[in-house]
Amino acid sequence: MIEYLSQLTNIPIYILNAGLSAIILGVVSGIIGSFIVLRKMALMGDALSHAVLPVSQYHTC
């Protein structure tokens, strides 16, 4: 299907893949974010994101 869209719109496949990935990521993040806020766990998500930051920086060196 992605090849069909690429031929139909004359857009390279890698751009379509990036766009489709961004759309899926946005929808999933919205659903998970709403669930976390409703469960009153927003500060837990903030703590997890800050805990992962040093690890990701360590692996890029």
PDB file of N, CA and C in Angstrom:
ATOM      1  N   MET A   1       0.823  -1.188   0.000  1.00  0.00           N
ATOM      2  CA  MET A   1       0.000   0.000   0.000  1.00  0.00           C
ATOM      3  C   MET A   1       0.872   1.260   0.000  1.00  0.00           C
ATOM      4  N   ILE A   2       1.974   1.223   0.745  1.00  0.00           N
ATOM      5  CA  ILE A   2       2.842   2.400   0.800  1.00  0.00           C
ATOM      6  C   ILE A   2       3.479   2.672  -0.556  1.00  0.00           C
ATOM      7  N   GLU A   3       3.774   1.611  -1.309  1.00  0.00           N
ATOM      8  CA  GLU A   3       4.321   1.800  -2.654  1.00  0.00           C
ATOM      9  C   GLU A   3       3.274   2.435  -3.570  1.00  0.00           C
ATOM     10  N   TYR A   4       2.013   2.036  -3.398  1.00  0.00           N
ATOM     11  CA  TYR A   4       0.924   2.609  -4.192  1.00  0.00           C
ATOM     12  C   TYR A   4       0.783   4.101  -3.906  1.00  0.00           C
ATOM     13  N   LEU A   5       0.837   4.476  -2.626  1.00  0.00           N
ATOM     14  CA  LEU A   5       0.749   5.895  -2.272  1.00  0.00           C
ATOM     15  C   LEU A   5       1.940   6.672  -2.816  1.00  0.00           C
ATOM     16  N   SER A   6       3.107   6.047  -2.790  1.00  0.00           N
ATOM     17  CA  SER A   6       4.304   6.700  -3.306  1.00  0.00           C
ATOM     18  C   SER A   6       4.179   6.970  -4.798  1.00  0.00           C
ATOM     19  N   GLN A   7       3.662   5.995  -5.534  1.00  0.00           N
ATOM     20  CA  GLN A   7       3.489   6.179  -6.975  1.00  0.00           C
ATOM     21  C   GLN A   7       2.366   7.163  -7.274  1.00  0.00           C
ATOM     22  N   LEU A   8       1.322   7.138  -6.464  1.00  0.00           N
ATOM     23  CA  LEU A   8       0.168   8.004  -6.690  1.00  0.00           C
ATOM     24  C   LEU A   8       0.507   9.475  -6.450  1.00  0.00           C
ATOM     25  N   THR A   9       1.269   9.754  -5.410  1.00  0.00           N
ATOM     26  CA  THR A   9       1.551  11.137  -5.037  1.00  0.00           C
ATOM     27  C   THR A   9       2.924  11.621  -5.466  1.00  0.00           C
ATOM     28  N   ASN A  10       3.759  10.734  -5.984  1.00  0.00           N
ATOM     29  CA  ASN A  10       5.118  11.089  -6.407  1.00  0.00           C
ATOM     30  C   ASN A  10       5.993  11.554  -5.239  1.00  0.00           C
ATOM     31  N   ILE A  11       5.688  11.054  -4.041  1.00  0.00           N
ATOM     32  CA  ILE A  11       6.476  11.359  -2.849  1.00  0.00           C
ATOM     33  C   ILE A  11       7.341  10.136  -2.553  1.00  0.00           C
ATOM     34  N   PRO A  12       8.612  10.325  -2.235  1.00  0.00           N
ATOM     35  CA  PRO A  12       9.475   9.169  -1.938  1.00  0.00           C
ATOM     36  C   PRO A  12       8.948   8.343  -0.762  1.00  0.00           C
ATOM     37  N   ILE A  13       9.243   7.062  -0.794  1.00  0.00           N
ATOM     38  CA  ILE A  13       8.727   6.138   0.216  1.00  0.00           C
ATOM     39  C   ILE A  13       9.230   6.502   1.609  1.00  0.00           C
ATOM     40  N   TYR A  14      10.476   6.937   1.732  1.00  0.00           N
ATOM     41  CA  TYR A  14      11.011   7.230   3.063  1.00  0.00           C
ATOM     42  C   TYR A  14      10.288   8.406   3.717  1.00  0.00           C
ATOM     43  N   ILE A  15       9.797   9.346   2.923  1.00  0.00           N
ATOM     44  CA  ILE A  15       9.036  10.458   3.491  1.00  0.00           C
ATOM     45  C   ILE A  15       7.658   9.977   3.933  1.00  0.00           C
ATOM     46  N   LEU A  16       7.040   9.106   3.147  1.00  0.00           N
ATOM     47  CA  LEU A  16       5.756   8.540   3.549  1.00  0.00           C
ATOM     48  C   LEU A  16       5.904   7.708   4.819  1.00  0.00           C
ATOM     49  N   ASN A  17       6.985   6.945   4.925  1.00  0.00           N
ATOM     50  CA  ASN A  17       7.220   6.155   6.142  1.00  0.00           C
ATOM     51  C   ASN A  17       7.389   7.061   7.358  1.00  0.00           C
ATOM     52  N   ALA A  18       8.118   8.149   7.198  1.00  0.00           N
ATOM     53  CA  ALA A  18       8.321   9.078   8.307  1.00  0.00           C
ATOM     54  C   ALA A  18       7.003   9.731   8.716  1.00  0.00           C
ATOM     55  N   GLY A  19       6.206  10.120   7.746  1.00  0.00           N
ATOM     56  CA  GLY A  19       4.913  10.725   8.051  1.00  0.00           C
ATOM     57  C   GLY A  19       3.968   9.761   8.733  1.00  0.00           C
ATOM     58  N   LEU A  20       3.920   8.537   8.239  1.00  0.00           N
ATOM     59  CA  LEU A  20       3.062   7.525   8.847  1.00  0.00           C
ATOM     60  C   LEU A  20       3.523   7.210  10.267  1.00  0.00           C
ATOM     61  N   SER A  21       4.818   7.143  10.475  1.00  0.00           N
ATOM     62  CA  SER A  21       5.349   6.894  11.821  1.00  0.00           C
ATOM     63  C   SER A  21       4.998   8.036  12.768  1.00  0.00           C
ATOM     64  N   ALA A  22       5.085   9.260  12.293  1.00  0.00           N
ATOM     65  CA  ALA A  22       4.757  10.418  13.127  1.00  0.00           C
ATOM     66  C   ALA A  22       3.278  10.424  13.503  1.00  0.00           C
ATOM     67  N   ILE A  23       2.422  10.065  12.559  1.00  0.00           N
ATOM     68  CA  ILE A  23       0.985  10.022  12.843  1.00  0.00           C
ATOM     69  C   ILE A  23       0.677   8.949  13.882  1.00  0.00           C
ATOM     70  N   ILE A  24       1.249   7.767  13.705  1.00  0.00           N
ATOM     71  CA  ILE A  24       1.010   6.676  14.658  1.00  0.00           C
ATOM     72  C   ILE A  24       1.546   7.044  16.039  1.00  0.00           C
ATOM     73  N   LEU A  25       2.741   7.619  16.090  1.00  0.00           N
ATOM     74  CA  LEU A  25       3.333   8.018  17.362  1.00  0.00           C
ATOM     75  C   LEU A  25       2.486   9.084  18.057  1.00  0.00           C
ATOM     76  N   GLY A  26       1.953  10.030  17.299  1.00  0.00           N
ATOM     77  CA  GLY A  26       1.108  11.066  17.877  1.00  0.00           C
ATOM     78  C   GLY A  26      -0.173  10.516  18.473  1.00  0.00           C
ATOM     79  N   VAL A  27      -0.806   9.585  17.767  1.00  0.00           N
ATOM     80  CA  VAL A  27      -2.051   8.991  18.267  1.00  0.00           C
ATOM     81  C   VAL A  27      -1.787   8.168  19.524  1.00  0.00           C
ATOM     82  N   VAL A  28      -0.759   7.337  19.482  1.00  0.00           N
ATOM     83  CA  VAL A  28      -0.449   6.485  20.635  1.00  0.00           C
ATOM     84  C   VAL A  28      -0.036   7.335  21.838  1.00  0.00           C
ATOM     85  N   SER A  29       0.757   8.375  21.618  1.00  0.00           N
ATOM     86  CA  SER A  29       1.181   9.240  22.719  1.00  0.00           C
ATOM     87  C   SER A  29      -0.003   9.980  23.329  1.00  0.00           C
ATOM     88  N   GLY A  30      -0.933  10.399  22.495  1.00  0.00           N
ATOM     89  CA  GLY A  30      -2.130  11.062  23.008  1.00  0.00           C
ATOM     90  C   GLY A  30      -2.971  10.152  23.875  1.00  0.00           C
ATOM     91  N   ILE A  31      -3.131   8.915  23.446  1.00  0.00           N
ATOM     92  CA  ILE A  31      -3.916   7.954  24.226  1.00  0.00           C
ATOM     93  C   ILE A  31      -3.225   7.641  25.551  1.00  0.00           C
ATOM     94  N   ILE A  32      -1.933   7.371  25.494  1.00  0.00           N
ATOM     95  CA  ILE A  32      -1.194   7.049  26.720  1.00  0.00           C
ATOM     96  C   ILE A  32      -1.148   8.259  27.652  1.00  0.00           C
ATOM     97  N   GLY A  33      -0.948   9.452  27.100  1.00  0.00           N
ATOM     98  CA  GLY A  33      -0.907  10.655  27.924  1.00  0.00           C
ATOM     99  C   GLY A  33      -2.223  10.923  28.623  1.00  0.00           C
ATOM    100  N   SER A  34      -3.336  10.733  27.929  1.00  0.00           N
ATOM    101  CA  SER A  34      -4.651  10.917  28.549  1.00  0.00           C
ATOM    102  C   SER A  34      -4.863   9.908  29.667  1.00  0.00           C
ATOM    103  N   PHE A  35      -4.468   8.675  29.432  1.00  0.00           N
ATOM    104  CA  PHE A  35      -4.611   7.637  30.451  1.00  0.00           C
ATOM    105  C   PHE A  35      -3.780   7.972  31.689  1.00  0.00           C
ATOM    106  N   ILE A  36      -2.567   8.453  31.492  1.00  0.00           N
ATOM    107  CA  ILE A  36      -1.691   8.781  32.623  1.00  0.00           C
ATOM    108  C   ILE A  36      -2.255   9.943  33.430  1.00  0.00           C
ATOM    109  N   VAL A  37      -2.803  10.951  32.759  1.00  0.00           N
ATOM    110  CA  VAL A  37      -3.375  12.092  33.471  1.00  0.00           C
ATOM    111  C   VAL A  37      -4.615  11.666  34.245  1.00  0.00           C
ATOM    112  N   LEU A  38      -5.453  10.830  33.639  1.00  0.00           N
ATOM    113  CA  LEU A  38      -6.660  10.380  34.328  1.00  0.00           C
ATOM    114  C   LEU A  38      -6.341   9.501  35.534  1.00  0.00           C
ATOM    115  N   ARG A  39      -5.247   8.762  35.469  1.00  0.00           N
ATOM    116  CA  ARG A  39      -4.847   7.918  36.600  1.00  0.00           C
ATOM    117  C   ARG A  39      -4.029   8.706  37.629  1.00  0.00           C
ATOM    118  N   LYS A  40      -3.845  10.002  37.399  1.00  0.00           N
ATOM    119  CA  LYS A  40      -3.091  10.895  38.286  1.00  0.00           C
ATOM    120  C   LYS A  40      -1.666  10.397  38.506  1.00  0.00           C
ATOM    121  N   MET A  41      -1.030   9.984  37.395  1.00  0.00           N
ATOM    122  CA  MET A  41       0.347   9.500  37.444  1.00  0.00           C
ATOM    123  C   MET A  41       1.263  10.387  36.599  1.00  0.00           C
ATOM    124  N   ALA A  42       0.879  11.638  36.392  1.00  0.00           N
ATOM    125  CA  ALA A  42       1.650  12.514  35.517  1.00  0.00           C
ATOM    126  C   ALA A  42       3.060  12.754  36.055  1.00  0.00           C
ATOM    127  N   LEU A  43       3.202  12.874  37.363  1.00  0.00           N
ATOM    128  CA  LEU A  43       4.529  13.100  37.930  1.00  0.00           C
ATOM    129  C   LEU A  43       5.413  11.868  37.788  1.00  0.00           C
ATOM    130  N   MET A  44       4.810  10.681  37.757  1.00  0.00           N
ATOM    131  CA  MET A  44       5.594   9.457  37.548  1.00  0.00           C
ATOM    132  C   MET A  44       6.183   9.450  36.142  1.00  0.00           C
ATOM    133  N   GLY A  45       5.405   9.869  35.152  1.00  0.00           N
ATOM    134  CA  GLY A  45       5.921   9.956  33.786  1.00  0.00           C
ATOM    135  C   GLY A  45       7.039  10.974  33.674  1.00  0.00           C
ATOM    136  N   ASP A  46       6.906  12.080  34.386  1.00  0.00           N
ATOM    137  CA  ASP A  46       7.951  13.099  34.388  1.00  0.00           C
ATOM    138  C   ASP A  46       9.230  12.551  35.021  1.00  0.00           C
ATOM    139  N   ALA A  47       9.091  11.822  36.104  1.00  0.00           N
ATOM    140  CA  ALA A  47      10.259  11.240  36.765  1.00  0.00           C
ATOM    141  C   ALA A  47      10.936  10.205  35.871  1.00  0.00           C
ATOM    142  N   LEU A  48      10.146   9.392  35.181  1.00  0.00           N
ATOM    143  CA  LEU A  48      10.726   8.390  34.285  1.00  0.00           C
ATOM    144  C   LEU A  48      11.479   9.038  33.137  1.00  0.00           C
ATOM    145  N   SER A  49      10.919  10.097  32.577  1.00  0.00           N
ATOM    146  CA  SER A  49      11.599  10.745  31.453  1.00  0.00           C
ATOM    147  C   SER A  49      12.919  11.370  31.900  1.00  0.00           C
ATOM    148  N   HIS A  50      12.944  11.932  33.098  1.00  0.00           N
ATOM    149  CA  HIS A  50      14.188  12.507  33.595  1.00  0.00           C
ATOM    150  C   HIS A  50      15.191  11.424  33.995  1.00  0.00           C
ATOM    151  N   ALA A  51      14.710  10.267  34.391  1.00  0.00           N
ATOM    152  CA  ALA A  51      15.618   9.178  34.748  1.00  0.00           C
ATOM    153  C   ALA A  51      16.274   8.580  33.510  1.00  0.00           C
ATOM    154  N   VAL A  52      15.595   8.604  32.381  1.00  0.00           N
ATOM    155  CA  VAL A  52      16.125   8.023  31.148  1.00  0.00           C
ATOM    156  C   VAL A  52      17.121   8.968  30.477  1.00  0.00           C
ATOM    157  N   LEU A  53      17.005  10.249  30.715  1.00  0.00           N
ATOM    158  CA  LEU A  53      17.852  11.235  30.044  1.00  0.00           C
ATOM    159  C   LEU A  53      19.350  10.997  30.248  1.00  0.00           C
ATOM    160  N   PRO A  54      19.849  10.784  31.458  1.00  0.00           N
ATOM    161  CA  PRO A  54      21.296  10.541  31.596  1.00  0.00           C
ATOM    162  C   PRO A  54      21.758   9.268  30.894  1.00  0.00           C
ATOM    163  N   VAL A  55      20.915   8.248  30.890  1.00  0.00           N
ATOM    164  CA  VAL A  55      21.281   6.991  30.231  1.00  0.00           C
ATOM    165  C   VAL A  55      21.418   7.206  28.736  1.00  0.00           C
ATOM    166  N   SER A  56      20.494   7.953  28.149  1.00  0.00           N
ATOM    167  CA  SER A  56      20.570   8.191  26.705  1.00  0.00           C
ATOM    168  C   SER A  56      21.786   9.043  26.355  1.00  0.00           C
ATOM    169  N   GLN A  57      22.155   9.969  27.207  1.00  0.00           N
ATOM    170  CA  GLN A  57      23.332  10.794  26.950  1.00  0.00           C
ATOM    171  C   GLN A  57      24.614   9.988  27.116  1.00  0.00           C
ATOM    172  N   TYR A  58      24.613   9.043  28.033  1.00  0.00           N
ATOM    173  CA  TYR A  58      25.787   8.193  28.248  1.00  0.00           C
ATOM    174  C   TYR A  58      26.054   7.323  27.029  1.00  0.00           C
ATOM    175  N   HIS A  59      25.002   6.817  26.396  1.00  0.00           N
ATOM    176  CA  HIS A  59      25.175   5.922  25.252  1.00  0.00           C
ATOM    177  C   HIS A  59      25.563   6.661  23.976  1.00  0.00           C
ATOM    178  N   THR A  60      25.368   7.964  23.909  1.00  0.00           N
ATOM    179  CA  THR A  60      25.739   8.693  22.700  1.00  0.00           C
ATOM    180  C   THR A  60      27.207   9.101  22.703  1.00  0.00           C
ATOM    181  N   CYS A  61      27.873   9.024  23.842  1.00  0.00           N
ATOM    182  CA  CYS A  61      29.295   9.404  23.915  1.00  0.00           C
ATOM    183  C   CYS A  61      30.187   8.345  23.344  1.00  0.00           C
TER     184      CYS A  61
END
